[in-house]
Amino acid sequence: MKVEQSVVIHKPLGEVSEYSQDMANYSKWQGEGTMEMIEGEDNQVGSRYRESFKFLGRQMNNVVEITAFKKNQLWASKVIEGPILYTISMAYAAVPEGTRLTITVEGEVGGFFKLAEGLVKSSIEKDIGKSLLKLKQILEK
């Protein structure tokens, strides 16, 4: 399963990446849930954090490891413990209108969620779309 969505935010690349990659801001634009660093530092490859949120009516508790970080270019992570193992990346590009942010989620759906793979994909698409719109609204105020 792969989901990819982009948004153009009318702000400079550095401002968009700095805000969106700051763990303290995640819950402001990515919906309800919590994130807690458990090993390492924010935006450091190899660091791990615990995320908790509701997805399709079920409580999700994941341990996530940061796999890539290039300031103003890329942030990526993978779930290493949780009911759905997936990777997520945020890629940034300067465009004439400001900054294009592309979020990509890839994963293998199994267990309970395998039975509803289409629903899982559409729900992720909806969640990413809402998150990108919220981030755009926050930064363009």
N, C-alpha and C. Protein backbone atom coordinates (compact mmCIF):
# COMPACT_ATOMS: atom_id res chain seq x y z
N MET A 1 0.84 -1.17 0.00
CA MET A 1 0.00 0.00 0.00
C MET A 1 0.89 1.24 0.00
N LYS A 2 0.53 2.19 -0.84
CA LYS A 2 1.27 3.45 -0.90
C LYS A 2 0.29 4.59 -1.05
N VAL A 3 0.48 5.62 -0.24
CA VAL A 3 -0.32 6.83 -0.30
C VAL A 3 0.64 8.01 -0.39
N GLU A 4 0.38 8.91 -1.34
CA GLU A 4 1.24 10.08 -1.50
C GLU A 4 0.38 11.29 -1.81
N GLN A 5 0.61 12.38 -1.07
CA GLN A 5 -0.12 13.62 -1.29
C GLN A 5 0.81 14.81 -1.09
N SER A 6 0.51 15.88 -1.82
CA SER A 6 1.33 17.10 -1.76
C SER A 6 0.46 18.32 -1.54
N VAL A 7 1.11 19.37 -1.06
CA VAL A 7 0.46 20.67 -0.92
C VAL A 7 1.52 21.73 -1.17
N VAL A 8 1.09 22.85 -1.74
CA VAL A 8 1.97 24.00 -1.89
C VAL A 8 1.59 25.00 -0.82
N ILE A 9 2.57 25.40 -0.04
CA ILE A 9 2.37 26.36 1.05
C ILE A 9 3.10 27.64 0.66
N HIS A 10 2.41 28.75 0.73
CA HIS A 10 2.96 30.04 0.31
C HIS A 10 3.85 30.64 1.40
N LYS A 11 4.90 29.90 1.71
CA LYS A 11 5.90 30.32 2.70
C LYS A 11 7.25 29.77 2.25
N PRO A 12 8.35 30.38 2.71
CA PRO A 12 9.68 29.90 2.33
C PRO A 12 9.94 28.47 2.83
N LEU A 13 10.77 27.77 2.09
CA LEU A 13 11.14 26.38 2.39
C LEU A 13 11.58 26.20 3.84
N GLY A 14 12.48 27.04 4.31
CA GLY A 14 13.00 26.90 5.67
C GLY A 14 11.93 27.01 6.74
N GLU A 15 10.99 27.92 6.54
CA GLU A 15 9.91 28.11 7.51
C GLU A 15 8.98 26.89 7.56
N VAL A 16 8.65 26.34 6.39
CA VAL A 16 7.76 25.18 6.32
C VAL A 16 8.43 23.96 6.93
N SER A 17 9.67 23.70 6.56
CA SER A 17 10.33 22.50 7.08
C SER A 17 10.60 22.63 8.58
N GLU A 18 11.03 23.80 9.03
CA GLU A 18 11.31 23.98 10.46
C GLU A 18 10.06 23.73 11.30
N TYR A 19 8.94 24.29 10.89
CA TYR A 19 7.71 24.13 11.67
C TYR A 19 7.22 22.68 11.62
N SER A 20 7.18 22.11 10.44
CA SER A 20 6.59 20.77 10.29
C SER A 20 7.47 19.66 10.85
N GLN A 21 8.76 19.89 11.00
CA GLN A 21 9.66 18.88 11.53
C GLN A 21 9.90 19.02 13.04
N ASP A 22 9.29 19.99 13.65
CA ASP A 22 9.43 20.19 15.09
C ASP A 22 8.39 19.32 15.81
N MET A 23 8.85 18.35 16.58
CA MET A 23 7.95 17.41 17.25
C MET A 23 6.92 18.14 18.12
N ALA A 24 7.28 19.29 18.66
CA ALA A 24 6.35 20.06 19.50
C ALA A 24 5.15 20.56 18.69
N ASN A 25 5.27 20.63 17.38
CA ASN A 25 4.18 21.12 16.53
C ASN A 25 3.34 20.02 15.90
N TYR A 26 3.77 18.76 15.98
CA TYR A 26 3.07 17.68 15.27
C TYR A 26 1.58 17.64 15.59
N SER A 27 1.24 17.68 16.85
CA SER A 27 -0.19 17.55 17.21
C SER A 27 -1.00 18.77 16.77
N LYS A 28 -0.34 19.89 16.48
CA LYS A 28 -1.05 21.09 16.03
C LYS A 28 -1.57 20.94 14.60
N TRP A 29 -0.87 20.15 13.80
CA TRP A 29 -1.29 20.03 12.40
C TRP A 29 -1.59 18.59 11.97
N GLN A 30 -1.18 17.62 12.75
CA GLN A 30 -1.41 16.23 12.35
C GLN A 30 -2.56 15.57 13.10
N GLY A 31 -3.40 16.34 13.72
CA GLY A 31 -4.56 15.76 14.39
C GLY A 31 -4.28 15.34 15.82
N GLU A 32 -5.24 14.66 16.37
CA GLU A 32 -5.15 14.27 17.77
C GLU A 32 -4.17 13.11 17.94
N GLY A 33 -3.57 13.08 19.08
CA GLY A 33 -2.61 12.03 19.39
C GLY A 33 -1.46 12.61 20.18
N THR A 34 -0.57 11.74 20.61
CA THR A 34 0.59 12.19 21.38
C THR A 34 1.85 11.58 20.79
N MET A 35 2.94 12.30 20.99
CA MET A 35 4.26 11.83 20.59
C MET A 35 5.22 12.12 21.72
N GLU A 36 6.07 11.15 22.01
CA GLU A 36 7.02 11.30 23.11
C GLU A 36 8.36 10.69 22.69
N MET A 37 9.41 11.51 22.75
CA MET A 37 10.74 11.02 22.42
C MET A 37 11.17 10.03 23.50
N ILE A 38 11.64 8.87 23.09
CA ILE A 38 12.07 7.86 24.07
C ILE A 38 13.56 7.55 23.97
N GLU A 39 14.18 7.96 22.86
CA GLU A 39 15.62 7.71 22.70
C GLU A 39 16.17 8.67 21.66
N GLY A 40 17.22 9.40 22.00
CA GLY A 40 17.83 10.32 21.06
C GLY A 40 17.20 11.69 21.09
N GLU A 41 17.37 12.42 19.98
CA GLU A 41 16.86 13.78 19.88
C GLU A 41 16.01 13.92 18.63
N ASP A 42 15.11 14.90 18.65
CA ASP A 42 14.24 15.18 17.52
C ASP A 42 15.08 15.41 16.25
N ASN A 43 14.65 14.83 15.15
CA ASN A 43 15.28 14.98 13.84
C ASN A 43 16.69 14.42 13.76
N GLN A 44 16.99 13.44 14.57
CA GLN A 44 18.29 12.78 14.52
C GLN A 44 18.07 11.33 14.07
N VAL A 45 18.76 10.94 13.01
CA VAL A 45 18.62 9.57 12.50
C VAL A 45 18.94 8.58 13.62
N GLY A 46 18.07 7.59 13.79
CA GLY A 46 18.24 6.59 14.84
C GLY A 46 17.43 6.88 16.09
N SER A 47 16.99 8.12 16.25
CA SER A 47 16.17 8.47 17.41
C SER A 47 14.83 7.76 17.32
N ARG A 48 14.24 7.51 18.49
CA ARG A 48 12.96 6.81 18.53
C ARG A 48 11.97 7.58 19.38
N TYR A 49 10.70 7.51 18.96
CA TYR A 49 9.64 8.13 19.74
C TYR A 49 8.44 7.20 19.76
N ARG A 50 7.58 7.44 20.72
CA ARG A 50 6.35 6.67 20.86
C ARG A 50 5.20 7.58 20.43
N GLU A 51 4.36 7.05 19.55
CA GLU A 51 3.18 7.80 19.12
C GLU A 51 1.94 7.01 19.49
N SER A 52 0.91 7.74 19.84
CA SER A 52 -0.35 7.12 20.24
C SER A 52 -1.48 7.93 19.61
N PHE A 53 -2.40 7.24 18.92
CA PHE A 53 -3.53 7.91 18.28
C PHE A 53 -4.60 6.89 17.96
N LYS A 54 -5.79 7.38 17.63
CA LYS A 54 -6.89 6.49 17.22
C LYS A 54 -6.92 6.42 15.70
N PHE A 55 -7.11 5.19 15.21
CA PHE A 55 -7.20 4.98 13.77
C PHE A 55 -8.27 3.94 13.51
N LEU A 56 -9.28 4.32 12.76
CA LEU A 56 -10.42 3.44 12.46
C LEU A 56 -11.01 2.84 13.73
N GLY A 57 -11.12 3.68 14.76
CA GLY A 57 -11.74 3.27 16.01
C GLY A 57 -10.86 2.44 16.93
N ARG A 58 -9.63 2.20 16.54
CA ARG A 58 -8.72 1.40 17.36
C ARG A 58 -7.58 2.28 17.87
N GLN A 59 -7.13 1.99 19.06
CA GLN A 59 -6.00 2.73 19.63
C GLN A 59 -4.70 2.19 19.03
N MET A 60 -3.90 3.07 18.47
CA MET A 60 -2.62 2.70 17.88
C MET A 60 -1.51 3.20 18.78
N ASN A 61 -0.62 2.33 19.15
CA ASN A 61 0.55 2.68 19.95
C ASN A 61 1.76 2.14 19.22
N ASN A 62 2.57 3.05 18.68
CA ASN A 62 3.71 2.66 17.86
C ASN A 62 5.01 3.18 18.44
N VAL A 63 6.08 2.46 18.16
CA VAL A 63 7.43 2.97 18.38
C VAL A 63 7.98 3.23 16.98
N VAL A 64 8.46 4.45 16.78
CA VAL A 64 8.88 4.91 15.47
C VAL A 64 10.35 5.33 15.54
N GLU A 65 11.09 4.98 14.48
CA GLU A 65 12.50 5.35 14.40
C GLU A 65 12.72 6.29 13.22
N ILE A 66 13.44 7.37 13.45
CA ILE A 66 13.77 8.31 12.37
C ILE A 66 14.86 7.68 11.51
N THR A 67 14.58 7.58 10.20
CA THR A 67 15.50 6.90 9.29
C THR A 67 16.27 7.85 8.37
N ALA A 68 15.79 9.06 8.21
CA ALA A 68 16.48 10.03 7.36
C ALA A 68 16.12 11.44 7.80
N PHE A 69 17.10 12.33 7.72
CA PHE A 69 16.85 13.73 7.99
C PHE A 69 17.87 14.56 7.22
N LYS A 70 17.36 15.43 6.36
CA LYS A 70 18.18 16.41 5.66
C LYS A 70 17.44 17.72 5.78
N LYS A 71 18.01 18.64 6.52
CA LYS A 71 17.35 19.92 6.77
C LYS A 71 16.86 20.54 5.46
N ASN A 72 15.60 20.99 5.49
CA ASN A 72 14.94 21.63 4.35
C ASN A 72 14.73 20.72 3.15
N GLN A 73 14.96 19.41 3.31
CA GLN A 73 14.80 18.50 2.18
C GLN A 73 13.94 17.28 2.51
N LEU A 74 14.27 16.59 3.62
CA LEU A 74 13.65 15.29 3.85
C LEU A 74 13.62 14.94 5.33
N TRP A 75 12.51 14.35 5.75
CA TRP A 75 12.36 13.75 7.07
C TRP A 75 11.67 12.42 6.83
N ALA A 76 12.21 11.32 7.37
CA ALA A 76 11.59 10.02 7.16
C ALA A 76 11.70 9.17 8.42
N SER A 77 10.72 8.27 8.57
CA SER A 77 10.73 7.37 9.72
C SER A 77 10.05 6.06 9.35
N LYS A 78 10.20 5.09 10.26
CA LYS A 78 9.51 3.82 10.08
C LYS A 78 9.00 3.34 11.43
N VAL A 79 7.84 2.69 11.41
CA VAL A 79 7.29 2.08 12.62
C VAL A 79 8.05 0.78 12.84
N ILE A 80 8.63 0.63 14.03
CA ILE A 80 9.36 -0.60 14.33
C ILE A 80 8.61 -1.50 15.30
N GLU A 81 7.60 -0.92 15.98
CA GLU A 81 6.71 -1.70 16.84
C GLU A 81 5.32 -1.10 16.71
N GLY A 82 4.34 -1.94 16.38
CA GLY A 82 2.98 -1.47 16.27
C GLY A 82 2.15 -2.42 15.42
N PRO A 83 0.84 -2.21 15.39
CA PRO A 83 -0.05 -3.13 14.66
C PRO A 83 0.07 -3.03 13.14
N ILE A 84 0.52 -1.87 12.61
CA ILE A 84 0.75 -1.72 11.18
C ILE A 84 2.17 -1.17 11.01
N LEU A 85 3.01 -1.91 10.30
CA LEU A 85 4.37 -1.46 10.05
C LEU A 85 4.38 -0.65 8.76
N TYR A 86 4.86 0.59 8.84
CA TYR A 86 4.86 1.45 7.67
C TYR A 86 6.00 2.45 7.77
N THR A 87 6.29 3.08 6.64
CA THR A 87 7.25 4.17 6.59
C THR A 87 6.50 5.43 6.21
N ILE A 88 7.04 6.55 6.64
CA ILE A 88 6.46 7.84 6.26
C ILE A 88 7.61 8.79 5.95
N SER A 89 7.42 9.58 4.90
CA SER A 89 8.44 10.57 4.58
C SER A 89 7.77 11.90 4.26
N MET A 90 8.50 12.96 4.55
CA MET A 90 8.08 14.31 4.19
C MET A 90 9.21 14.89 3.35
N ALA A 91 8.92 15.18 2.08
CA ALA A 91 9.92 15.73 1.17
C ALA A 91 9.54 17.18 0.85
N TYR A 92 10.54 18.04 0.85
CA TYR A 92 10.33 19.48 0.67
C TYR A 92 11.02 19.95 -0.60
N ALA A 93 10.36 20.86 -1.32
CA ALA A 93 10.96 21.45 -2.52
C ALA A 93 10.52 22.90 -2.63
N ALA A 94 11.48 23.76 -2.96
CA ALA A 94 11.15 25.16 -3.22
C ALA A 94 10.50 25.24 -4.59
N VAL A 95 9.38 25.95 -4.66
CA VAL A 95 8.67 26.20 -5.92
C VAL A 95 8.40 27.70 -5.99
N PRO A 96 8.09 28.22 -7.18
CA PRO A 96 7.87 29.68 -7.28
C PRO A 96 6.84 30.23 -6.30
N GLU A 97 5.83 29.42 -5.95
CA GLU A 97 4.77 29.87 -5.04
C GLU A 97 5.16 29.76 -3.57
N GLY A 98 6.27 29.09 -3.26
CA GLY A 98 6.68 28.88 -1.87
C GLY A 98 7.35 27.54 -1.69
N THR A 99 6.63 26.60 -1.05
CA THR A 99 7.20 25.28 -0.74
C THR A 99 6.19 24.19 -1.06
N ARG A 100 6.67 23.15 -1.74
CA ARG A 100 5.84 21.96 -1.94
C ARG A 100 6.29 20.92 -0.91
N LEU A 101 5.32 20.46 -0.14
CA LEU A 101 5.56 19.39 0.84
C LEU A 101 4.81 18.16 0.35
N THR A 102 5.53 17.06 0.22
CA THR A 102 4.93 15.79 -0.20
C THR A 102 5.11 14.77 0.91
N ILE A 103 3.99 14.22 1.35
CA ILE A 103 4.01 13.17 2.37
C ILE A 103 3.71 11.84 1.68
N THR A 104 4.55 10.84 1.97
CA THR A 104 4.38 9.51 1.41
C THR A 104 4.34 8.50 2.56
N VAL A 105 3.32 7.65 2.54
CA VAL A 105 3.18 6.57 3.51
C VAL A 105 3.17 5.26 2.73
N GLU A 106 4.03 4.33 3.14
CA GLU A 106 4.07 3.01 2.51
C GLU A 106 4.08 1.95 3.59
N GLY A 107 3.34 0.88 3.37
CA GLY A 107 3.33 -0.17 4.37
C GLY A 107 2.59 -1.41 3.93
N GLU A 108 2.76 -2.42 4.72
CA GLU A 108 2.12 -3.70 4.52
C GLU A 108 1.00 -3.81 5.54
N VAL A 109 -0.21 -3.98 5.06
CA VAL A 109 -1.36 -4.07 5.96
C VAL A 109 -1.57 -5.53 6.31
N GLY A 110 -1.66 -5.82 7.61
CA GLY A 110 -1.86 -7.20 8.04
C GLY A 110 -2.83 -7.27 9.20
N GLY A 111 -3.05 -8.50 9.69
CA GLY A 111 -3.91 -8.71 10.85
C GLY A 111 -5.31 -8.20 10.63
N PHE A 112 -5.88 -7.60 11.66
CA PHE A 112 -7.23 -7.03 11.61
C PHE A 112 -7.40 -6.10 10.42
N PHE A 113 -6.37 -5.30 10.14
CA PHE A 113 -6.47 -4.27 9.11
C PHE A 113 -6.41 -4.85 7.69
N LYS A 114 -5.88 -6.05 7.51
CA LYS A 114 -5.80 -6.66 6.19
C LYS A 114 -7.20 -6.85 5.59
N LEU A 115 -8.16 -7.17 6.44
CA LEU A 115 -9.53 -7.37 5.98
C LEU A 115 -10.15 -6.09 5.42
N ALA A 116 -9.62 -4.96 5.84
CA ALA A 116 -10.18 -3.67 5.42
C ALA A 116 -9.12 -2.80 4.76
N GLU A 117 -8.28 -3.41 3.92
CA GLU A 117 -7.16 -2.69 3.32
C GLU A 117 -7.60 -1.44 2.54
N GLY A 118 -8.69 -1.54 1.78
CA GLY A 118 -9.19 -0.38 1.03
C GLY A 118 -9.62 0.74 1.96
N LEU A 119 -10.26 0.38 3.06
CA LEU A 119 -10.68 1.37 4.05
C LEU A 119 -9.47 2.01 4.73
N VAL A 120 -8.46 1.20 5.00
CA VAL A 120 -7.23 1.72 5.62
C VAL A 120 -6.59 2.75 4.69
N LYS A 121 -6.46 2.40 3.42
CA LYS A 121 -5.83 3.32 2.46
C LYS A 121 -6.62 4.62 2.33
N SER A 122 -7.93 4.52 2.18
CA SER A 122 -8.73 5.74 2.02
C SER A 122 -8.71 6.59 3.29
N SER A 123 -8.66 5.94 4.46
CA SER A 123 -8.60 6.68 5.71
C SER A 123 -7.26 7.41 5.85
N ILE A 124 -6.17 6.76 5.44
CA ILE A 124 -4.85 7.40 5.48
C ILE A 124 -4.83 8.59 4.51
N GLU A 125 -5.39 8.39 3.31
CA GLU A 125 -5.45 9.49 2.34
C GLU A 125 -6.21 10.68 2.91
N LYS A 126 -7.33 10.41 3.55
CA LYS A 126 -8.14 11.47 4.14
C LYS A 126 -7.37 12.18 5.27
N ASP A 127 -6.73 11.40 6.15
CA ASP A 127 -5.97 11.97 7.26
C ASP A 127 -4.81 12.84 6.77
N ILE A 128 -4.07 12.36 5.76
CA ILE A 128 -2.95 13.15 5.23
C ILE A 128 -3.47 14.44 4.60
N GLY A 129 -4.54 14.34 3.84
CA GLY A 129 -5.12 15.53 3.22
C GLY A 129 -5.53 16.57 4.24
N LYS A 130 -6.19 16.12 5.31
CA LYS A 130 -6.59 17.05 6.38
C LYS A 130 -5.37 17.66 7.06
N SER A 131 -4.34 16.85 7.30
CA SER A 131 -3.13 17.35 7.96
C SER A 131 -2.43 18.39 7.10
N LEU A 132 -2.30 18.12 5.82
CA LEU A 132 -1.64 19.08 4.93
C LEU A 132 -2.42 20.39 4.84
N LEU A 133 -3.72 20.29 4.77
CA LEU A 133 -4.55 21.50 4.73
C LEU A 133 -4.41 22.30 6.02
N LYS A 134 -4.40 21.61 7.15
CA LYS A 134 -4.24 22.29 8.45
C LYS A 134 -2.88 22.98 8.53
N LEU A 135 -1.82 22.29 8.09
CA LEU A 135 -0.49 22.88 8.10
C LEU A 135 -0.46 24.13 7.21
N LYS A 136 -1.05 24.05 6.04
CA LYS A 136 -1.11 25.20 5.12
C LYS A 136 -1.83 26.38 5.79
N GLN A 137 -2.97 26.09 6.45
CA GLN A 137 -3.73 27.15 7.12
C GLN A 137 -2.92 27.79 8.24
N ILE A 138 -2.25 26.98 9.04
CA ILE A 138 -1.45 27.50 10.15
C ILE A 138 -0.33 28.40 9.64
N LEU A 139 0.40 27.92 8.65
CA LEU A 139 1.58 28.66 8.18
C LEU A 139 1.25 29.88 7.32
N GLU A 140 0.10 29.86 6.65
CA GLU A 140 -0.26 30.99 5.79
C GLU A 140 -1.06 32.06 6.49
N LYS A 141 -1.31 31.91 7.80
CA LYS A 141 -2.04 32.94 8.55
C LYS A 141 -1.33 34.26 8.51
